[in-house]
Amino acid sequence: MLNGHPDLRLPNTLNCSFIGARGGDILAGLDGVAASAGSACHSGQTAPSSVLQAMGIPDPIARGAVRFSLGCETTDEEIDAVVQRLPTRL
């Protein structure tokens, strides 16, 4: 599930939730991928993001959130490789 506006957001950042999973568990399967299950200022916490809560995202969905950020040198092939490693079923 996309968290945030579909168009009015940063073009290099995607925050999405994997419903029925925890963001940290998703990241554990993506060794070597630079992504986050929470904000840098709250690292180590398992509580849902306060930003997602303020956006009205229910806690069970917010707990499955992962934020992916792309750099100017990120290639289409790198994006495809990460997508292939994402779980298809939870």
N, C-alpha and C. Protein backbone atom coordinates (compact mmCIF):
# COMPACT_ATOMS: atom_id res chain seq x y z
N MET A 1 0.85 -1.17 0.00
CA MET A 1 0.00 0.00 0.00
C MET A 1 0.90 1.23 0.00
N LEU A 2 0.62 2.17 -0.87
CA LEU A 2 1.36 3.44 -0.91
C LEU A 2 0.96 4.30 0.28
N ASN A 3 1.94 4.81 0.99
CA ASN A 3 1.68 5.75 2.09
C ASN A 3 2.00 7.14 1.57
N GLY A 4 1.01 8.00 1.53
CA GLY A 4 1.20 9.35 1.03
C GLY A 4 0.45 9.58 -0.26
N HIS A 5 0.55 10.78 -0.73
CA HIS A 5 -0.14 11.19 -1.95
C HIS A 5 0.49 10.51 -3.16
N PRO A 6 -0.30 10.05 -4.11
CA PRO A 6 0.28 9.36 -5.27
C PRO A 6 1.12 10.26 -6.18
N ASP A 7 0.87 11.55 -6.18
CA ASP A 7 1.60 12.45 -7.07
C ASP A 7 2.40 13.53 -6.34
N LEU A 8 1.86 14.08 -5.28
CA LEU A 8 2.48 15.20 -4.58
C LEU A 8 3.43 14.70 -3.50
N ARG A 9 4.58 14.20 -3.95
CA ARG A 9 5.60 13.68 -3.03
C ARG A 9 6.95 13.78 -3.72
N LEU A 10 7.99 13.52 -2.97
CA LEU A 10 9.33 13.55 -3.54
C LEU A 10 9.47 12.47 -4.61
N PRO A 11 10.09 12.78 -5.73
CA PRO A 11 10.18 11.80 -6.81
C PRO A 11 11.15 10.66 -6.54
N ASN A 12 12.02 10.80 -5.55
CA ASN A 12 13.03 9.77 -5.29
C ASN A 12 12.75 8.95 -4.04
N THR A 13 11.59 9.14 -3.44
CA THR A 13 11.29 8.47 -2.17
C THR A 13 9.94 7.77 -2.26
N LEU A 14 9.91 6.52 -1.80
CA LEU A 14 8.68 5.73 -1.76
C LEU A 14 8.51 5.18 -0.36
N ASN A 15 7.37 5.46 0.24
CA ASN A 15 7.03 4.86 1.52
C ASN A 15 5.80 4.00 1.27
N CYS A 16 5.96 2.71 1.51
CA CYS A 16 4.84 1.80 1.28
C CYS A 16 4.76 0.80 2.43
N SER A 17 3.56 0.28 2.62
CA SER A 17 3.35 -0.71 3.68
C SER A 17 3.08 -2.07 3.08
N PHE A 18 3.66 -3.08 3.73
CA PHE A 18 3.41 -4.47 3.39
C PHE A 18 2.44 -4.98 4.44
N ILE A 19 1.18 -5.01 4.09
CA ILE A 19 0.11 -5.33 5.03
C ILE A 19 0.26 -6.77 5.50
N GLY A 20 0.24 -6.93 6.83
CA GLY A 20 0.40 -8.25 7.43
C GLY A 20 1.83 -8.57 7.79
N ALA A 21 2.74 -7.63 7.56
CA ALA A 21 4.15 -7.84 7.88
C ALA A 21 4.67 -6.66 8.69
N ARG A 22 5.86 -6.82 9.23
CA ARG A 22 6.57 -5.72 9.90
C ARG A 22 7.66 -5.23 8.96
N GLY A 23 7.82 -3.92 8.93
CA GLY A 23 8.82 -3.33 8.06
C GLY A 23 10.20 -3.92 8.29
N GLY A 24 10.57 -4.14 9.55
CA GLY A 24 11.88 -4.71 9.87
C GLY A 24 12.07 -6.10 9.30
N ASP A 25 10.98 -6.88 9.27
CA ASP A 25 11.07 -8.23 8.70
C ASP A 25 11.28 -8.16 7.19
N ILE A 26 10.65 -7.22 6.54
CA ILE A 26 10.85 -7.03 5.09
C ILE A 26 12.30 -6.66 4.84
N LEU A 27 12.83 -5.73 5.64
CA LEU A 27 14.21 -5.30 5.46
C LEU A 27 15.21 -6.43 5.71
N ALA A 28 14.88 -7.32 6.63
CA ALA A 28 15.78 -8.45 6.93
C ALA A 28 16.00 -9.32 5.69
N GLY A 29 15.02 -9.37 4.81
CA GLY A 29 15.15 -10.14 3.59
C GLY A 29 15.78 -9.37 2.44
N LEU A 30 16.18 -8.13 2.71
CA LEU A 30 16.77 -7.28 1.67
C LEU A 30 18.19 -6.87 2.04
N ASP A 31 18.97 -7.84 2.49
CA ASP A 31 20.35 -7.56 2.89
C ASP A 31 21.08 -6.79 1.78
N GLY A 32 21.73 -5.71 2.16
CA GLY A 32 22.49 -4.91 1.21
C GLY A 32 21.69 -3.80 0.55
N VAL A 33 20.39 -3.73 0.82
CA VAL A 33 19.55 -2.68 0.25
C VAL A 33 19.43 -1.55 1.26
N ALA A 34 19.67 -0.33 0.81
CA ALA A 34 19.55 0.83 1.68
C ALA A 34 18.09 1.26 1.73
N ALA A 35 17.40 0.86 2.77
CA ALA A 35 16.00 1.21 2.99
C ALA A 35 15.79 1.30 4.49
N SER A 36 14.64 1.81 4.91
CA SER A 36 14.40 2.00 6.32
C SER A 36 12.96 1.64 6.68
N ALA A 37 12.80 1.13 7.88
CA ALA A 37 11.46 0.85 8.39
C ALA A 37 10.97 1.97 9.29
N GLY A 38 11.75 2.99 9.48
CA GLY A 38 11.36 4.14 10.30
C GLY A 38 12.26 5.31 10.02
N SER A 39 12.01 6.40 10.69
CA SER A 39 12.83 7.58 10.49
C SER A 39 14.17 7.43 11.22
N ALA A 40 15.18 8.11 10.73
CA ALA A 40 16.51 8.01 11.33
C ALA A 40 16.50 8.45 12.79
N CYS A 41 15.65 9.40 13.14
CA CYS A 41 15.64 9.90 14.52
C CYS A 41 14.94 8.94 15.47
N HIS A 42 14.34 7.88 14.95
CA HIS A 42 13.67 6.90 15.80
C HIS A 42 14.21 5.49 15.58
N SER A 43 15.45 5.38 15.15
CA SER A 43 15.99 4.05 14.87
C SER A 43 15.98 3.20 16.13
N GLY A 44 15.70 1.93 15.95
CA GLY A 44 15.65 1.00 17.07
C GLY A 44 14.27 0.87 17.69
N GLN A 45 13.34 1.73 17.32
CA GLN A 45 12.00 1.64 17.87
C GLN A 45 11.12 0.79 16.96
N THR A 46 10.16 0.09 17.54
CA THR A 46 9.25 -0.74 16.75
C THR A 46 7.86 -0.14 16.67
N ALA A 47 7.64 1.00 17.32
CA ALA A 47 6.34 1.66 17.27
C ALA A 47 6.11 2.22 15.87
N PRO A 48 4.86 2.31 15.45
CA PRO A 48 4.57 2.89 14.15
C PRO A 48 5.07 4.33 14.07
N SER A 49 5.41 4.75 12.88
CA SER A 49 5.87 6.12 12.64
C SER A 49 4.82 7.13 13.07
N SER A 50 5.25 8.14 13.82
CA SER A 50 4.31 9.19 14.24
C SER A 50 3.80 9.97 13.03
N VAL A 51 4.61 10.06 11.98
CA VAL A 51 4.17 10.75 10.76
C VAL A 51 3.05 9.95 10.09
N LEU A 52 3.24 8.64 9.98
CA LEU A 52 2.19 7.82 9.39
C LEU A 52 0.93 7.84 10.24
N GLN A 53 1.09 7.84 11.55
CA GLN A 53 -0.07 7.94 12.44
C GLN A 53 -0.80 9.26 12.21
N ALA A 54 -0.06 10.36 12.07
CA ALA A 54 -0.66 11.67 11.84
C ALA A 54 -1.38 11.72 10.49
N MET A 55 -0.93 10.90 9.56
CA MET A 55 -1.58 10.82 8.24
C MET A 55 -2.84 9.95 8.29
N GLY A 56 -3.11 9.33 9.44
CA GLY A 56 -4.29 8.50 9.59
C GLY A 56 -4.11 7.06 9.15
N ILE A 57 -2.84 6.64 8.98
CA ILE A 57 -2.57 5.24 8.61
C ILE A 57 -2.76 4.39 9.87
N PRO A 58 -3.62 3.38 9.82
CA PRO A 58 -3.84 2.53 11.01
C PRO A 58 -2.54 1.83 11.43
N ASP A 59 -2.37 1.64 12.74
CA ASP A 59 -1.14 1.04 13.28
C ASP A 59 -0.74 -0.28 12.62
N PRO A 60 -1.67 -1.22 12.40
CA PRO A 60 -1.23 -2.48 11.77
C PRO A 60 -0.62 -2.29 10.38
N ILE A 61 -1.09 -1.30 9.66
CA ILE A 61 -0.54 -1.01 8.33
C ILE A 61 0.76 -0.22 8.47
N ALA A 62 0.79 0.74 9.38
CA ALA A 62 2.00 1.55 9.59
C ALA A 62 3.18 0.70 10.04
N ARG A 63 2.93 -0.36 10.79
CA ARG A 63 4.02 -1.23 11.25
C ARG A 63 4.70 -1.97 10.09
N GLY A 64 4.02 -2.09 8.97
CA GLY A 64 4.59 -2.76 7.80
C GLY A 64 5.25 -1.81 6.83
N ALA A 65 5.47 -0.55 7.25
CA ALA A 65 6.00 0.46 6.34
C ALA A 65 7.50 0.31 6.11
N VAL A 66 7.89 0.54 4.88
CA VAL A 66 9.30 0.58 4.48
C VAL A 66 9.48 1.80 3.58
N ARG A 67 10.56 2.54 3.81
CA ARG A 67 10.87 3.71 2.99
C ARG A 67 12.07 3.41 2.11
N PHE A 68 11.87 3.54 0.81
CA PHE A 68 12.94 3.36 -0.17
C PHE A 68 13.30 4.73 -0.73
N SER A 69 14.59 5.02 -0.80
CA SER A 69 15.05 6.28 -1.38
C SER A 69 16.04 5.97 -2.50
N LEU A 70 15.92 6.70 -3.58
CA LEU A 70 16.80 6.52 -4.73
C LEU A 70 17.78 7.68 -4.80
N GLY A 71 18.98 7.39 -5.28
CA GLY A 71 19.98 8.42 -5.50
C GLY A 71 20.09 8.73 -6.98
N CYS A 72 20.86 9.75 -7.30
CA CYS A 72 20.99 10.16 -8.70
C CYS A 72 21.71 9.09 -9.53
N GLU A 73 22.42 8.18 -8.88
CA GLU A 73 23.12 7.13 -9.62
C GLU A 73 22.43 5.77 -9.56
N THR A 74 21.23 5.71 -8.95
CA THR A 74 20.49 4.46 -8.90
C THR A 74 20.04 4.08 -10.31
N THR A 75 20.25 2.82 -10.67
CA THR A 75 19.91 2.37 -12.01
C THR A 75 18.58 1.62 -12.02
N ASP A 76 17.99 1.52 -13.20
CA ASP A 76 16.76 0.73 -13.35
C ASP A 76 17.02 -0.73 -12.96
N GLU A 77 18.20 -1.23 -13.28
CA GLU A 77 18.53 -2.61 -12.96
C GLU A 77 18.58 -2.83 -11.44
N GLU A 78 19.10 -1.86 -10.70
CA GLU A 78 19.13 -1.97 -9.24
C GLU A 78 17.72 -1.96 -8.66
N ILE A 79 16.87 -1.12 -9.21
CA ILE A 79 15.47 -1.08 -8.74
C ILE A 79 14.80 -2.42 -9.03
N ASP A 80 14.97 -2.93 -10.23
CA ASP A 80 14.38 -4.22 -10.60
C ASP A 80 14.88 -5.35 -9.68
N ALA A 81 16.16 -5.31 -9.32
CA ALA A 81 16.73 -6.35 -8.45
C ALA A 81 16.08 -6.32 -7.07
N VAL A 82 15.82 -5.12 -6.55
CA VAL A 82 15.16 -5.02 -5.24
C VAL A 82 13.72 -5.51 -5.34
N VAL A 83 13.02 -5.11 -6.38
CA VAL A 83 11.62 -5.53 -6.55
C VAL A 83 11.53 -7.05 -6.62
N GLN A 84 12.47 -7.69 -7.30
CA GLN A 84 12.47 -9.15 -7.41
C GLN A 84 12.68 -9.82 -6.05
N ARG A 85 13.32 -9.15 -5.12
CA ARG A 85 13.59 -9.72 -3.80
C ARG A 85 12.47 -9.47 -2.80
N LEU A 86 11.51 -8.63 -3.14
CA LEU A 86 10.40 -8.36 -2.23
C LEU A 86 9.48 -9.58 -2.17
N PRO A 87 8.89 -9.80 -0.99
CA PRO A 87 8.00 -10.96 -0.88
C PRO A 87 6.74 -10.77 -1.73
N THR A 88 6.28 -11.85 -2.34
CA THR A 88 5.05 -11.79 -3.12
C THR A 88 3.85 -12.19 -2.29
N ARG A 89 4.12 -12.89 -1.19
CA ARG A 89 3.05 -13.29 -0.25
C ARG A 89 3.56 -13.12 1.15
N LEU A 90 2.65 -12.71 2.03
CA LEU A 90 3.03 -12.53 3.43
C LEU A 90 2.23 -13.45 4.30
